[in-house]
Amino acid sequence: MEDLMLVDSPEFERILECVFGIQAHETRTYFRLLELQGSTVAELADALERDRSNVNRALSTLCEKELVERERRLLEGGGYVYQYFAVPVPEAQELMHQAVDEWSETVHGRIDEFGP
């Protein structure tokens, strides 16, 4: 957070990472998924040129942060596959505002606790 506060005009990606406590590869996964809505782990791994297990972990983290949603699609021959959808940027921005507001309230509360 300190690094971000020292930058006059931080990039949206860095703010996203800071607010949600995610890493750069998770941010790249989110933005690539915005372009490839409905992708499976395998499809996204190919697009990102990353290992499926790494992409799967990134997607799990992004789902926990509510930046990505997962839907199960039944296959014609039986079984199923999960498809992933990145929430639209305006929705991500709203989530970021909420997270910053909650953090700000916490910090204000801690500040008010200090005293003589």
PDB file of N, CA and C in Angstrom:
ATOM      1  N   MET A   1       0.833  -1.193   0.000  1.00  0.00           N
ATOM      2  CA  MET A   1       0.000   0.000   0.000  1.00  0.00           C
ATOM      3  C   MET A   1       0.870   1.247   0.000  1.00  0.00           C
ATOM      4  N   GLU A   2       1.968   1.212   0.756  1.00  0.00           N
ATOM      5  CA  GLU A   2       2.830   2.388   0.825  1.00  0.00           C
ATOM      6  C   GLU A   2       3.369   2.752  -0.545  1.00  0.00           C
ATOM      7  N   ASP A   3       3.804   1.749  -1.315  1.00  0.00           N
ATOM      8  CA  ASP A   3       4.329   2.022  -2.653  1.00  0.00           C
ATOM      9  C   ASP A   3       3.280   2.711  -3.515  1.00  0.00           C
ATOM     10  N   LEU A   4       2.057   2.255  -3.401  1.00  0.00           N
ATOM     11  CA  LEU A   4       0.979   2.827  -4.196  1.00  0.00           C
ATOM     12  C   LEU A   4       0.710   4.266  -3.788  1.00  0.00           C
ATOM     13  N   MET A   5       0.797   4.547  -2.507  1.00  0.00           N
ATOM     14  CA  MET A   5       0.517   5.896  -2.016  1.00  0.00           C
ATOM     15  C   MET A   5       1.592   6.898  -2.438  1.00  0.00           C
ATOM     16  N   LEU A   6       2.773   6.419  -2.774  1.00  0.00           N
ATOM     17  CA  LEU A   6       3.866   7.303  -3.170  1.00  0.00           C
ATOM     18  C   LEU A   6       3.847   7.643  -4.653  1.00  0.00           C
ATOM     19  N   VAL A   7       2.956   7.013  -5.407  1.00  0.00           N
ATOM     20  CA  VAL A   7       2.863   7.232  -6.848  1.00  0.00           C
ATOM     21  C   VAL A   7       1.749   8.237  -7.121  1.00  0.00           C
ATOM     22  N   ASP A   8       2.074   9.270  -7.916  1.00  0.00           N
ATOM     23  CA  ASP A   8       1.073  10.301  -8.218  1.00  0.00           C
ATOM     24  C   ASP A   8      -0.098   9.762  -9.039  1.00  0.00           C
ATOM     25  N   SER A   9       0.195   8.951 -10.024  1.00  0.00           N
ATOM     26  CA  SER A   9      -0.848   8.408 -10.898  1.00  0.00           C
ATOM     27  C   SER A   9      -0.664   6.906 -11.066  1.00  0.00           C
ATOM     28  N   PRO A  10      -1.055   6.134 -10.056  1.00  0.00           N
ATOM     29  CA  PRO A  10      -0.857   4.679 -10.169  1.00  0.00           C
ATOM     30  C   PRO A  10      -1.738   4.090 -11.268  1.00  0.00           C
ATOM     31  N   GLU A  11      -1.223   3.048 -11.905  1.00  0.00           N
ATOM     32  CA  GLU A  11      -1.983   2.359 -12.942  1.00  0.00           C
ATOM     33  C   GLU A  11      -3.139   1.595 -12.306  1.00  0.00           C
ATOM     34  N   PHE A  12      -4.217   1.456 -13.067  1.00  0.00           N
ATOM     35  CA  PHE A  12      -5.394   0.732 -12.589  1.00  0.00           C
ATOM     36  C   PHE A  12      -5.022  -0.673 -12.120  1.00  0.00           C
ATOM     37  N   GLU A  13      -4.132  -1.332 -12.876  1.00  0.00           N
ATOM     38  CA  GLU A  13      -3.731  -2.691 -12.528  1.00  0.00           C
ATOM     39  C   GLU A  13      -3.086  -2.748 -11.150  1.00  0.00           C
ATOM     40  N   ARG A  14      -2.228  -1.777 -10.836  1.00  0.00           N
ATOM     41  CA  ARG A  14      -1.553  -1.768  -9.537  1.00  0.00           C
ATOM     42  C   ARG A  14      -2.549  -1.499  -8.412  1.00  0.00           C
ATOM     43  N   ILE A  15      -3.528  -0.632  -8.679  1.00  0.00           N
ATOM     44  CA  ILE A  15      -4.566  -0.355  -7.673  1.00  0.00           C
ATOM     45  C   ILE A  15      -5.371  -1.623  -7.416  1.00  0.00           C
ATOM     46  N   LEU A  16      -5.729  -2.319  -8.486  1.00  0.00           N
ATOM     47  CA  LEU A  16      -6.476  -3.570  -8.365  1.00  0.00           C
ATOM     48  C   LEU A  16      -5.711  -4.568  -7.502  1.00  0.00           C
ATOM     49  N   GLU A  17      -4.417  -4.701  -7.759  1.00  0.00           N
ATOM     50  CA  GLU A  17      -3.580  -5.615  -6.979  1.00  0.00           C
ATOM     51  C   GLU A  17      -3.528  -5.212  -5.517  1.00  0.00           C
ATOM     52  N   CYS A  18      -3.371  -3.928  -5.272  1.00  0.00           N
ATOM     53  CA  CYS A  18      -3.260  -3.433  -3.903  1.00  0.00           C
ATOM     54  C   CYS A  18      -4.566  -3.613  -3.134  1.00  0.00           C
ATOM     55  N   VAL A  19      -5.659  -3.210  -3.736  1.00  0.00           N
ATOM     56  CA  VAL A  19      -6.957  -3.252  -3.058  1.00  0.00           C
ATOM     57  C   VAL A  19      -7.367  -4.680  -2.717  1.00  0.00           C
ATOM     58  N   PHE A  20      -7.135  -5.608  -3.644  1.00  0.00           N
ATOM     59  CA  PHE A  20      -7.581  -6.981  -3.428  1.00  0.00           C
ATOM     60  C   PHE A  20      -6.478  -7.908  -2.927  1.00  0.00           C
ATOM     61  N   GLY A  21      -5.267  -7.385  -2.801  1.00  0.00           N
ATOM     62  CA  GLY A  21      -4.171  -8.217  -2.334  1.00  0.00           C
ATOM     63  C   GLY A  21      -3.854  -9.349  -3.288  1.00  0.00           C
ATOM     64  N   ILE A  22      -3.926  -9.055  -4.583  1.00  0.00           N
ATOM     65  CA  ILE A  22      -3.637 -10.076  -5.584  1.00  0.00           C
ATOM     66  C   ILE A  22      -2.313  -9.767  -6.264  1.00  0.00           C
ATOM     67  N   GLN A  23      -1.816 -10.742  -6.994  1.00  0.00           N
ATOM     68  CA  GLN A  23      -0.527 -10.611  -7.654  1.00  0.00           C
ATOM     69  C   GLN A  23      -0.708 -10.225  -9.120  1.00  0.00           C
ATOM     70  N   ALA A  24       0.390  -9.799  -9.730  1.00  0.00           N
ATOM     71  CA  ALA A  24       0.348  -9.327 -11.120  1.00  0.00           C
ATOM     72  C   ALA A  24      -0.176 -10.399 -12.074  1.00  0.00           C
ATOM     73  N   HIS A  25       0.202 -11.671 -11.864  1.00  0.00           N
ATOM     74  CA  HIS A  25      -0.285 -12.711 -12.781  1.00  0.00           C
ATOM     75  C   HIS A  25      -1.800 -12.914 -12.634  1.00  0.00           C
ATOM     76  N   GLU A  26      -2.332 -12.651 -11.456  1.00  0.00           N
ATOM     77  CA  GLU A  26      -3.778 -12.752 -11.266  1.00  0.00           C
ATOM     78  C   GLU A  26      -4.487 -11.595 -11.959  1.00  0.00           C
ATOM     79  N   THR A  27      -3.869 -10.443 -11.929  1.00  0.00           N
ATOM     80  CA  THR A  27      -4.424  -9.284 -12.645  1.00  0.00           C
ATOM     81  C   THR A  27      -4.419  -9.549 -14.147  1.00  0.00           C
ATOM     82  N   ARG A  28      -3.308 -10.101 -14.658  1.00  0.00           N
ATOM     83  CA  ARG A  28      -3.244 -10.443 -16.090  1.00  0.00           C
ATOM     84  C   ARG A  28      -4.319 -11.464 -16.443  1.00  0.00           C
ATOM     85  N   THR A  29      -4.558 -12.420 -15.550  1.00  0.00           N
ATOM     86  CA  THR A  29      -5.593 -13.431 -15.794  1.00  0.00           C
ATOM     87  C   THR A  29      -6.963 -12.769 -15.877  1.00  0.00           C
ATOM     88  N   TYR A  30      -7.241 -11.842 -14.965  1.00  0.00           N
ATOM     89  CA  TYR A  30      -8.526 -11.128 -14.977  1.00  0.00           C
ATOM     90  C   TYR A  30      -8.719 -10.389 -16.308  1.00  0.00           C
ATOM     91  N   PHE A  31      -7.712  -9.627 -16.736  1.00  0.00           N
ATOM     92  CA  PHE A  31      -7.867  -8.838 -17.961  1.00  0.00           C
ATOM     93  C   PHE A  31      -7.943  -9.706 -19.210  1.00  0.00           C
ATOM     94  N   ARG A  32      -7.232 -10.812 -19.227  1.00  0.00           N
ATOM     95  CA  ARG A  32      -7.324 -11.723 -20.371  1.00  0.00           C
ATOM     96  C   ARG A  32      -8.701 -12.357 -20.412  1.00  0.00           C
ATOM     97  N   LEU A  33      -9.241 -12.698 -19.252  1.00  0.00           N
ATOM     98  CA  LEU A  33     -10.568 -13.284 -19.196  1.00  0.00           C
ATOM     99  C   LEU A  33     -11.642 -12.293 -19.633  1.00  0.00           C
ATOM    100  N   LEU A  34     -11.411 -11.016 -19.394  1.00  0.00           N
ATOM    101  CA  LEU A  34     -12.359 -10.014 -19.900  1.00  0.00           C
ATOM    102  C   LEU A  34     -12.507 -10.130 -21.418  1.00  0.00           C
ATOM    103  N   GLU A  35     -11.407 -10.470 -22.083  1.00  0.00           N
ATOM    104  CA  GLU A  35     -11.410 -10.620 -23.541  1.00  0.00           C
ATOM    105  C   GLU A  35     -11.950 -11.980 -23.981  1.00  0.00           C
ATOM    106  N   LEU A  36     -11.846 -12.964 -23.107  1.00  0.00           N
ATOM    107  CA  LEU A  36     -12.197 -14.345 -23.457  1.00  0.00           C
ATOM    108  C   LEU A  36     -13.265 -14.893 -22.513  1.00  0.00           C
ATOM    109  N   GLN A  37     -14.339 -14.139 -22.353  1.00  0.00           N
ATOM    110  CA  GLN A  37     -15.407 -14.539 -21.436  1.00  0.00           C
ATOM    111  C   GLN A  37     -15.891 -15.946 -21.753  1.00  0.00           C
ATOM    112  N   GLY A  38     -16.122 -16.730 -20.695  1.00  0.00           N
ATOM    113  CA  GLY A  38     -16.638 -18.083 -20.865  1.00  0.00           C
ATOM    114  C   GLY A  38     -15.555 -19.122 -21.107  1.00  0.00           C
ATOM    115  N   SER A  39     -14.306 -18.748 -20.934  1.00  0.00           N
ATOM    116  CA  SER A  39     -13.201 -19.674 -21.156  1.00  0.00           C
ATOM    117  C   SER A  39     -13.136 -20.728 -20.061  1.00  0.00           C
ATOM    118  N   THR A  40     -12.564 -21.859 -20.431  1.00  0.00           N
ATOM    119  CA  THR A  40     -12.241 -22.896 -19.456  1.00  0.00           C
ATOM    120  C   THR A  40     -10.809 -22.642 -18.968  1.00  0.00           C
ATOM    121  N   VAL A  41     -10.409 -23.372 -17.950  1.00  0.00           N
ATOM    122  CA  VAL A  41      -9.032 -23.246 -17.452  1.00  0.00           C
ATOM    123  C   VAL A  41      -8.049 -23.552 -18.582  1.00  0.00           C
ATOM    124  N   ALA A  42      -8.312 -24.623 -19.324  1.00  0.00           N
ATOM    125  CA  ALA A  42      -7.407 -25.027 -20.408  1.00  0.00           C
ATOM    126  C   ALA A  42      -7.299 -23.937 -21.477  1.00  0.00           C
ATOM    127  N   GLU A  43      -8.426 -23.377 -21.867  1.00  0.00           N
ATOM    128  CA  GLU A  43      -8.420 -22.325 -22.889  1.00  0.00           C
ATOM    129  C   GLU A  43      -7.667 -21.089 -22.408  1.00  0.00           C
ATOM    130  N   LEU A  44      -7.907 -20.728 -21.178  1.00  0.00           N
ATOM    131  CA  LEU A  44      -7.249 -19.554 -20.623  1.00  0.00           C
ATOM    132  C   LEU A  44      -5.752 -19.802 -20.433  1.00  0.00           C
ATOM    133  N   ALA A  45      -5.395 -21.000 -20.019  1.00  0.00           N
ATOM    134  CA  ALA A  45      -3.979 -21.347 -19.860  1.00  0.00           C
ATOM    135  C   ALA A  45      -3.255 -21.230 -21.199  1.00  0.00           C
ATOM    136  N   ASP A  46      -3.894 -21.693 -22.263  1.00  0.00           N
ATOM    137  CA  ASP A  46      -3.300 -21.562 -23.595  1.00  0.00           C
ATOM    138  C   ASP A  46      -3.138 -20.097 -23.986  1.00  0.00           C
ATOM    139  N   ALA A  47      -4.158 -19.308 -23.737  1.00  0.00           N
ATOM    140  CA  ALA A  47      -4.118 -17.892 -24.105  1.00  0.00           C
ATOM    141  C   ALA A  47      -3.058 -17.124 -23.318  1.00  0.00           C
ATOM    142  N   LEU A  48      -2.865 -17.521 -22.064  1.00  0.00           N
ATOM    143  CA  LEU A  48      -1.888 -16.843 -21.205  1.00  0.00           C
ATOM    144  C   LEU A  48      -0.492 -17.470 -21.296  1.00  0.00           C
ATOM    145  N   GLU A  49      -0.418 -18.616 -21.980  1.00  0.00           N
ATOM    146  CA  GLU A  49       0.831 -19.375 -22.062  1.00  0.00           C
ATOM    147  C   GLU A  49       1.364 -19.675 -20.668  1.00  0.00           C
ATOM    148  N   ARG A  50       0.461 -20.191 -19.836  1.00  0.00           N
ATOM    149  CA  ARG A  50       0.795 -20.548 -18.451  1.00  0.00           C
ATOM    150  C   ARG A  50       0.311 -21.960 -18.181  1.00  0.00           C
ATOM    151  N   ASP A  51       0.829 -22.549 -17.151  1.00  0.00           N
ATOM    152  CA  ASP A  51       0.430 -23.877 -16.723  1.00  0.00           C
ATOM    153  C   ASP A  51      -1.007 -23.841 -16.207  1.00  0.00           C
ATOM    154  N   ARG A  52      -1.764 -24.894 -16.494  1.00  0.00           N
ATOM    155  CA  ARG A  52      -3.173 -24.950 -16.055  1.00  0.00           C
ATOM    156  C   ARG A  52      -3.309 -24.808 -14.543  1.00  0.00           C
ATOM    157  N   SER A  53      -2.413 -25.442 -13.790  1.00  0.00           N
ATOM    158  CA  SER A  53      -2.531 -25.373 -12.333  1.00  0.00           C
ATOM    159  C   SER A  53      -2.349 -23.936 -11.834  1.00  0.00           C
ATOM    160  N   ASN A  54      -1.447 -23.188 -12.459  1.00  0.00           N
ATOM    161  CA  ASN A  54      -1.254 -21.782 -12.077  1.00  0.00           C
ATOM    162  C   ASN A  54      -2.478 -20.942 -12.412  1.00  0.00           C
ATOM    163  N   VAL A  55      -3.047 -21.194 -13.582  1.00  0.00           N
ATOM    164  CA  VAL A  55      -4.248 -20.450 -13.997  1.00  0.00           C
ATOM    165  C   VAL A  55      -5.413 -20.819 -13.096  1.00  0.00           C
ATOM    166  N   ASN A  56      -5.528 -22.088 -12.749  1.00  0.00           N
ATOM    167  CA  ASN A  56      -6.601 -22.524 -11.866  1.00  0.00           C
ATOM    168  C   ASN A  56      -6.509 -21.835 -10.507  1.00  0.00           C
ATOM    169  N   ARG A  57      -5.300 -21.739  -9.957  1.00  0.00           N
ATOM    170  CA  ARG A  57      -5.115 -21.049  -8.673  1.00  0.00           C
ATOM    171  C   ARG A  57      -5.459 -19.566  -8.798  1.00  0.00           C
ATOM    172  N   ALA A  58      -5.032 -18.958  -9.897  1.00  0.00           N
ATOM    173  CA  ALA A  58      -5.352 -17.540 -10.101  1.00  0.00           C
ATOM    174  C   ALA A  58      -6.862 -17.336 -10.183  1.00  0.00           C
ATOM    175  N   LEU A  59      -7.539 -18.212 -10.903  1.00  0.00           N
ATOM    176  CA  LEU A  59      -8.993 -18.108 -11.020  1.00  0.00           C
ATOM    177  C   LEU A  59      -9.678 -18.317  -9.677  1.00  0.00           C
ATOM    178  N   SER A  60      -9.169 -19.239  -8.876  1.00  0.00           N
ATOM    179  CA  SER A  60      -9.736 -19.468  -7.538  1.00  0.00           C
ATOM    180  C   SER A  60      -9.630 -18.200  -6.697  1.00  0.00           C
ATOM    181  N   THR A  61      -8.470 -17.573  -6.735  1.00  0.00           N
ATOM    182  CA  THR A  61      -8.271 -16.328  -5.993  1.00  0.00           C
ATOM    183  C   THR A  61      -9.210 -15.246  -6.506  1.00  0.00           C
ATOM    184  N   LEU A  62      -9.315 -15.110  -7.811  1.00  0.00           N
ATOM    185  CA  LEU A  62     -10.186 -14.082  -8.397  1.00  0.00           C
ATOM    186  C   LEU A  62     -11.659 -14.349  -8.077  1.00  0.00           C
ATOM    187  N   CYS A  63     -12.035 -15.615  -7.991  1.00  0.00           N
ATOM    188  CA  CYS A  63     -13.412 -15.954  -7.586  1.00  0.00           C
ATOM    189  C   CYS A  63     -13.644 -15.552  -6.133  1.00  0.00           C
ATOM    190  N   GLU A  64     -12.661 -15.814  -5.271  1.00  0.00           N
ATOM    191  CA  GLU A  64     -12.781 -15.428  -3.863  1.00  0.00           C
ATOM    192  C   GLU A  64     -12.941 -13.921  -3.715  1.00  0.00           C
ATOM    193  N   LYS A  65     -12.288 -13.168  -4.577  1.00  0.00           N
ATOM    194  CA  LYS A  65     -12.350 -11.706  -4.526  1.00  0.00           C
ATOM    195  C   LYS A  65     -13.562 -11.159  -5.265  1.00  0.00           C
ATOM    196  N   GLU A  66     -14.370 -12.064  -5.834  1.00  0.00           N
ATOM    197  CA  GLU A  66     -15.598 -11.735  -6.570  1.00  0.00           C
ATOM    198  C   GLU A  66     -15.323 -10.969  -7.857  1.00  0.00           C
ATOM    199  N   LEU A  67     -14.121 -11.122  -8.401  1.00  0.00           N
ATOM    200  CA  LEU A  67     -13.772 -10.504  -9.684  1.00  0.00           C
ATOM    201  C   LEU A  67     -14.061 -11.440 -10.848  1.00  0.00           C
ATOM    202  N   VAL A  68     -14.252 -12.710 -10.550  1.00  0.00           N
ATOM    203  CA  VAL A  68     -14.531 -13.729 -11.559  1.00  0.00           C
ATOM    204  C   VAL A  68     -15.654 -14.616 -11.044  1.00  0.00           C
ATOM    205  N   GLU A  69     -16.510 -15.029 -11.962  1.00  0.00           N
ATOM    206  CA  GLU A  69     -17.594 -15.952 -11.630  1.00  0.00           C
ATOM    207  C   GLU A  69     -17.393 -17.240 -12.406  1.00  0.00           C
ATOM    208  N   ARG A  70     -17.798 -18.345 -11.814  1.00  0.00           N
ATOM    209  CA  ARG A  70     -17.626 -19.660 -12.416  1.00  0.00           C
ATOM    210  C   ARG A  70     -18.995 -20.281 -12.651  1.00  0.00           C
ATOM    211  N   GLU A  71     -19.168 -20.843 -13.836  1.00  0.00           N
ATOM    212  CA  GLU A  71     -20.412 -21.538 -14.171  1.00  0.00           C
ATOM    213  C   GLU A  71     -20.088 -22.934 -14.687  1.00  0.00           C
ATOM    214  N   ARG A  72     -20.918 -23.891 -14.295  1.00  0.00           N
ATOM    215  CA  ARG A  72     -20.732 -25.264 -14.753  1.00  0.00           C
ATOM    216  C   ARG A  72     -21.546 -25.494 -16.015  1.00  0.00           C
ATOM    217  N   ARG A  73     -20.882 -26.031 -17.043  1.00  0.00           N
ATOM    218  CA  ARG A  73     -21.558 -26.332 -18.308  1.00  0.00           C
ATOM    219  C   ARG A  73     -21.524 -27.840 -18.516  1.00  0.00           C
ATOM    220  N   LEU A  74     -22.690 -28.413 -18.738  1.00  0.00           N
ATOM    221  CA  LEU A  74     -22.785 -29.847 -18.999  1.00  0.00           C
ATOM    222  C   LEU A  74     -22.314 -30.150 -20.412  1.00  0.00           C
ATOM    223  N   LEU A  75     -21.567 -31.219 -20.549  1.00  0.00           N
ATOM    224  CA  LEU A  75     -21.069 -31.647 -21.852  1.00  0.00           C
ATOM    225  C   LEU A  75     -22.041 -32.640 -22.469  1.00  0.00           C
ATOM    226  N   GLU A  76     -22.134 -32.629 -23.792  1.00  0.00           N
ATOM    227  CA  GLU A  76     -23.075 -33.508 -24.488  1.00  0.00           C
ATOM    228  C   GLU A  76     -22.813 -34.979 -24.202  1.00  0.00           C
ATOM    229  N   GLY A  77     -21.570 -35.376 -24.148  1.00  0.00           N
ATOM    230  CA  GLY A  77     -21.231 -36.777 -23.933  1.00  0.00           C
ATOM    231  C   GLY A  77     -21.232 -37.178 -22.470  1.00  0.00           C
ATOM    232  N   GLY A  78     -21.629 -36.274 -21.604  1.00  0.00           N
ATOM    233  CA  GLY A  78     -21.610 -36.526 -20.170  1.00  0.00           C
ATOM    234  C   GLY A  78     -20.490 -35.747 -19.516  1.00  0.00           C
ATOM    235  N   GLY A  79     -20.632 -35.534 -18.272  1.00  0.00           N
ATOM    236  CA  GLY A  79     -19.644 -34.763 -17.527  1.00  0.00           C
ATOM    237  C   GLY A  79     -19.917 -33.273 -17.629  1.00  0.00           C
ATOM    238  N   TYR A  80     -18.966 -32.508 -17.187  1.00  0.00           N
ATOM    239  CA  TYR A  80     -19.132 -31.064 -17.206  1.00  0.00           C
ATOM    240  C   TYR A  80     -17.767 -30.386 -17.245  1.00  0.00           C
ATOM    241  N   VAL A  81     -17.812 -29.107 -17.531  1.00  0.00           N
ATOM    242  CA  VAL A  81     -16.614 -28.274 -17.522  1.00  0.00           C
ATOM    243  C   VAL A  81     -17.008 -26.928 -16.913  1.00  0.00           C
ATOM    244  N   TYR A  82     -16.067 -26.300 -16.246  1.00  0.00           N
ATOM    245  CA  TYR A  82     -16.338 -24.979 -15.696  1.00  0.00           C
ATOM    246  C   TYR A  82     -15.906 -23.911 -16.688  1.00  0.00           C
ATOM    247  N   GLN A  83     -16.755 -22.909 -16.824  1.00  0.00           N
ATOM    248  CA  GLN A  83     -16.445 -21.734 -17.624  1.00  0.00           C
ATOM    249  C   GLN A  83     -16.326 -20.553 -16.677  1.00  0.00           C
ATOM    250  N   TYR A  84     -15.442 -19.643 -17.011  1.00  0.00           N
ATOM    251  CA  TYR A  84     -15.169 -18.500 -16.150  1.00  0.00           C
ATOM    252  C   TYR A  84     -15.510 -17.205 -16.859  1.00  0.00           C
ATOM    253  N   PHE A  85     -16.024 -16.264 -16.070  1.00  0.00           N
ATOM    254  CA  PHE A  85     -16.438 -14.964 -16.584  1.00  0.00           C
ATOM    255  C   PHE A  85     -15.900 -13.870 -15.660  1.00  0.00           C
ATOM    256  N   ALA A  86     -15.165 -12.944 -16.230  1.00  0.00           N
ATOM    257  CA  ALA A  86     -14.680 -11.805 -15.453  1.00  0.00           C
ATOM    258  C   ALA A  86     -15.824 -10.819 -15.285  1.00  0.00           C
ATOM    259  N   VAL A  87     -15.966 -10.272 -14.083  1.00  0.00           N
ATOM    260  CA  VAL A  87     -16.997  -9.249 -13.906  1.00  0.00           C
ATOM    261  C   VAL A  87     -16.573  -8.037 -14.722  1.00  0.00           C
ATOM    262  N   PRO A  88     -17.521  -7.291 -15.263  1.00  0.00           N
ATOM    263  CA  PRO A  88     -17.176  -6.109 -16.051  1.00  0.00           C
ATOM    264  C   PRO A  88     -16.385  -5.100 -15.212  1.00  0.00           C
ATOM    265  N   VAL A  89     -15.559  -4.318 -15.876  1.00  0.00           N
ATOM    266  CA  VAL A  89     -14.714  -3.345 -15.180  1.00  0.00           C
ATOM    267  C   VAL A  89     -15.523  -2.421 -14.271  1.00  0.00           C
ATOM    268  N   PRO A  90     -16.681  -1.896 -14.710  1.00  0.00           N
ATOM    269  CA  PRO A  90     -17.437  -1.033 -13.790  1.00  0.00           C
ATOM    270  C   PRO A  90     -17.824  -1.745 -12.491  1.00  0.00           C
ATOM    271  N   GLU A  91     -18.133  -3.021 -12.576  1.00  0.00           N
ATOM    272  CA  GLU A  91     -18.465  -3.780 -11.363  1.00  0.00           C
ATOM    273  C   GLU A  91     -17.213  -3.975 -10.501  1.00  0.00           C
ATOM    274  N   ALA A  92     -16.080  -4.232 -11.139  1.00  0.00           N
ATOM    275  CA  ALA A  92     -14.812  -4.353 -10.406  1.00  0.00           C
ATOM    276  C   ALA A  92     -14.469  -3.030  -9.725  1.00  0.00           C
ATOM    277  N   GLN A  93     -14.730  -1.932 -10.415  1.00  0.00           N
ATOM    278  CA  GLN A  93     -14.473  -0.617  -9.821  1.00  0.00           C
ATOM    279  C   GLN A  93     -15.334  -0.407  -8.583  1.00  0.00           C
ATOM    280  N   GLU A  94     -16.588  -0.824  -8.653  1.00  0.00           N
ATOM    281  CA  GLU A  94     -17.475  -0.684  -7.498  1.00  0.00           C
ATOM    282  C   GLU A  94     -16.978  -1.535  -6.332  1.00  0.00           C
ATOM    283  N   LEU A  95     -16.528  -2.748  -6.625  1.00  0.00           N
ATOM    284  CA  LEU A  95     -15.969  -3.597  -5.579  1.00  0.00           C
ATOM    285  C   LEU A  95     -14.735  -2.955  -4.955  1.00  0.00           C
ATOM    286  N   MET A  96     -13.943  -2.304  -5.788  1.00  0.00           N
ATOM    287  CA  MET A  96     -12.746  -1.622  -5.292  1.00  0.00           C
ATOM    288  C   MET A  96     -13.137  -0.460  -4.387  1.00  0.00           C
ATOM    289  N   HIS A  97     -14.122   0.314  -4.805  1.00  0.00           N
ATOM    290  CA  HIS A  97     -14.589   1.434  -3.976  1.00  0.00           C
ATOM    291  C   HIS A  97     -15.079   0.930  -2.620  1.00  0.00           C
ATOM    292  N   GLN A  98     -15.846  -0.155  -2.627  1.00  0.00           N
ATOM    293  CA  GLN A  98     -16.352  -0.716  -1.379  1.00  0.00           C
ATOM    294  C   GLN A  98     -15.213  -1.161  -0.476  1.00  0.00           C
ATOM    295  N   ALA A  99     -14.216  -1.831  -1.054  1.00  0.00           N
ATOM    296  CA  ALA A  99     -13.087  -2.320  -0.264  1.00  0.00           C
ATOM    297  C   ALA A  99     -12.290  -1.157   0.326  1.00  0.00           C
ATOM    298  N   VAL A 100     -12.085  -0.115  -0.458  1.00  0.00           N
ATOM    299  CA  VAL A 100     -11.335   1.050   0.031  1.00  0.00           C
ATOM    300  C   VAL A 100     -12.135   1.771   1.111  1.00  0.00           C
ATOM    301  N   ASP A 101     -13.448   1.875   0.926  1.00  0.00           N
ATOM    302  CA  ASP A 101     -14.291   2.519   1.937  1.00  0.00           C
ATOM    303  C   ASP A 101     -14.238   1.755   3.257  1.00  0.00           C
ATOM    304  N   GLU A 102     -14.300   0.424   3.183  1.00  0.00           N
ATOM    305  CA  GLU A 102     -14.215  -0.390   4.396  1.00  0.00           C
ATOM    306  C   GLU A 102     -12.862  -0.215   5.074  1.00  0.00           C
ATOM    307  N   TRP A 103     -11.794  -0.212   4.275  1.00  0.00           N
ATOM    308  CA  TRP A 103     -10.451  -0.018   4.821  1.00  0.00           C
ATOM    309  C   TRP A 103     -10.343   1.360   5.472  1.00  0.00           C
ATOM    310  N   SER A 104     -10.879   2.362   4.800  1.00  0.00           N
ATOM    311  CA  SER A 104     -10.824   3.731   5.315  1.00  0.00           C
ATOM    312  C   SER A 104     -11.547   3.836   6.657  1.00  0.00           C
ATOM    313  N   GLU A 105     -12.719   3.218   6.766  1.00  0.00           N
ATOM    314  CA  GLU A 105     -13.453   3.240   8.030  1.00  0.00           C
ATOM    315  C   GLU A 105     -12.639   2.589   9.144  1.00  0.00           C
ATOM    316  N   THR A 106     -11.983   1.484   8.813  1.00  0.00           N
ATOM    317  CA  THR A 106     -11.141   0.800   9.798  1.00  0.00           C
ATOM    318  C   THR A 106      -9.996   1.696  10.248  1.00  0.00           C
ATOM    319  N   VAL A 107      -9.342   2.340   9.291  1.00  0.00           N
ATOM    320  CA  VAL A 107      -8.215   3.225   9.618  1.00  0.00           C
ATOM    321  C   VAL A 107      -8.694   4.414  10.446  1.00  0.00           C
ATOM    322  N   HIS A 108      -9.809   4.999  10.067  1.00  0.00           N
ATOM    323  CA  HIS A 108     -10.353   6.120  10.836  1.00  0.00           C
ATOM    324  C   HIS A 108     -10.663   5.698  12.277  1.00  0.00           C
ATOM    325  N   GLY A 109     -11.203   4.498  12.432  1.00  0.00           N
ATOM    326  CA  GLY A 109     -11.480   3.972  13.764  1.00  0.00           C
ATOM    327  C   GLY A 109     -10.206   3.803  14.582  1.00  0.00           C
ATOM    328  N   ARG A 110      -9.163   3.292  13.954  1.00  0.00           N
ATOM    329  CA  ARG A 110      -7.873   3.116  14.649  1.00  0.00           C
ATOM    330  C   ARG A 110      -7.293   4.476  15.022  1.00  0.00           C
ATOM    331  N   ILE A 111      -7.416   5.449  14.137  1.00  0.00           N
ATOM    332  CA  ILE A 111      -6.909   6.790  14.428  1.00  0.00           C
ATOM    333  C   ILE A 111      -7.632   7.362  15.648  1.00  0.00           C
ATOM    334  N   ASP A 112      -8.953   7.184  15.677  1.00  0.00           N
ATOM    335  CA  ASP A 112      -9.744   7.717  16.776  1.00  0.00           C
ATOM    336  C   ASP A 112      -9.436   7.034  18.110  1.00  0.00           C
ATOM    337  N   GLU A 113      -8.880   5.838  18.064  1.00  0.00           N
ATOM    338  CA  GLU A 113      -8.547   5.122  19.288  1.00  0.00           C
ATOM    339  C   GLU A 113      -7.312   5.710  19.968  1.00  0.00           C
ATOM    340  N   PHE A 114      -6.465   6.384  19.199  1.00  0.00           N
ATOM    341  CA  PHE A 114      -5.258   6.981  19.774  1.00  0.00           C
ATOM    342  C   PHE A 114      -5.654   8.200  20.578  1.00  0.00           C
ATOM    343  N   GLY A 115      -4.957   8.435  21.642  1.00  0.00           N
ATOM    344  CA  GLY A 115      -5.262   9.610  22.439  1.00  0.00           C
ATOM    345  C   GLY A 115      -4.385   9.656  23.676  1.00  0.00           C
ATOM    346  N   PRO A 116      -4.562  10.733  24.435  1.00  0.00           N
ATOM    347  CA  PRO A 116      -3.736  10.905  25.642  1.00  0.00           C
ATOM    348  C   PRO A 116      -4.059   9.875  26.704  1.00  0.00           C
TER     349      PRO A 116
END
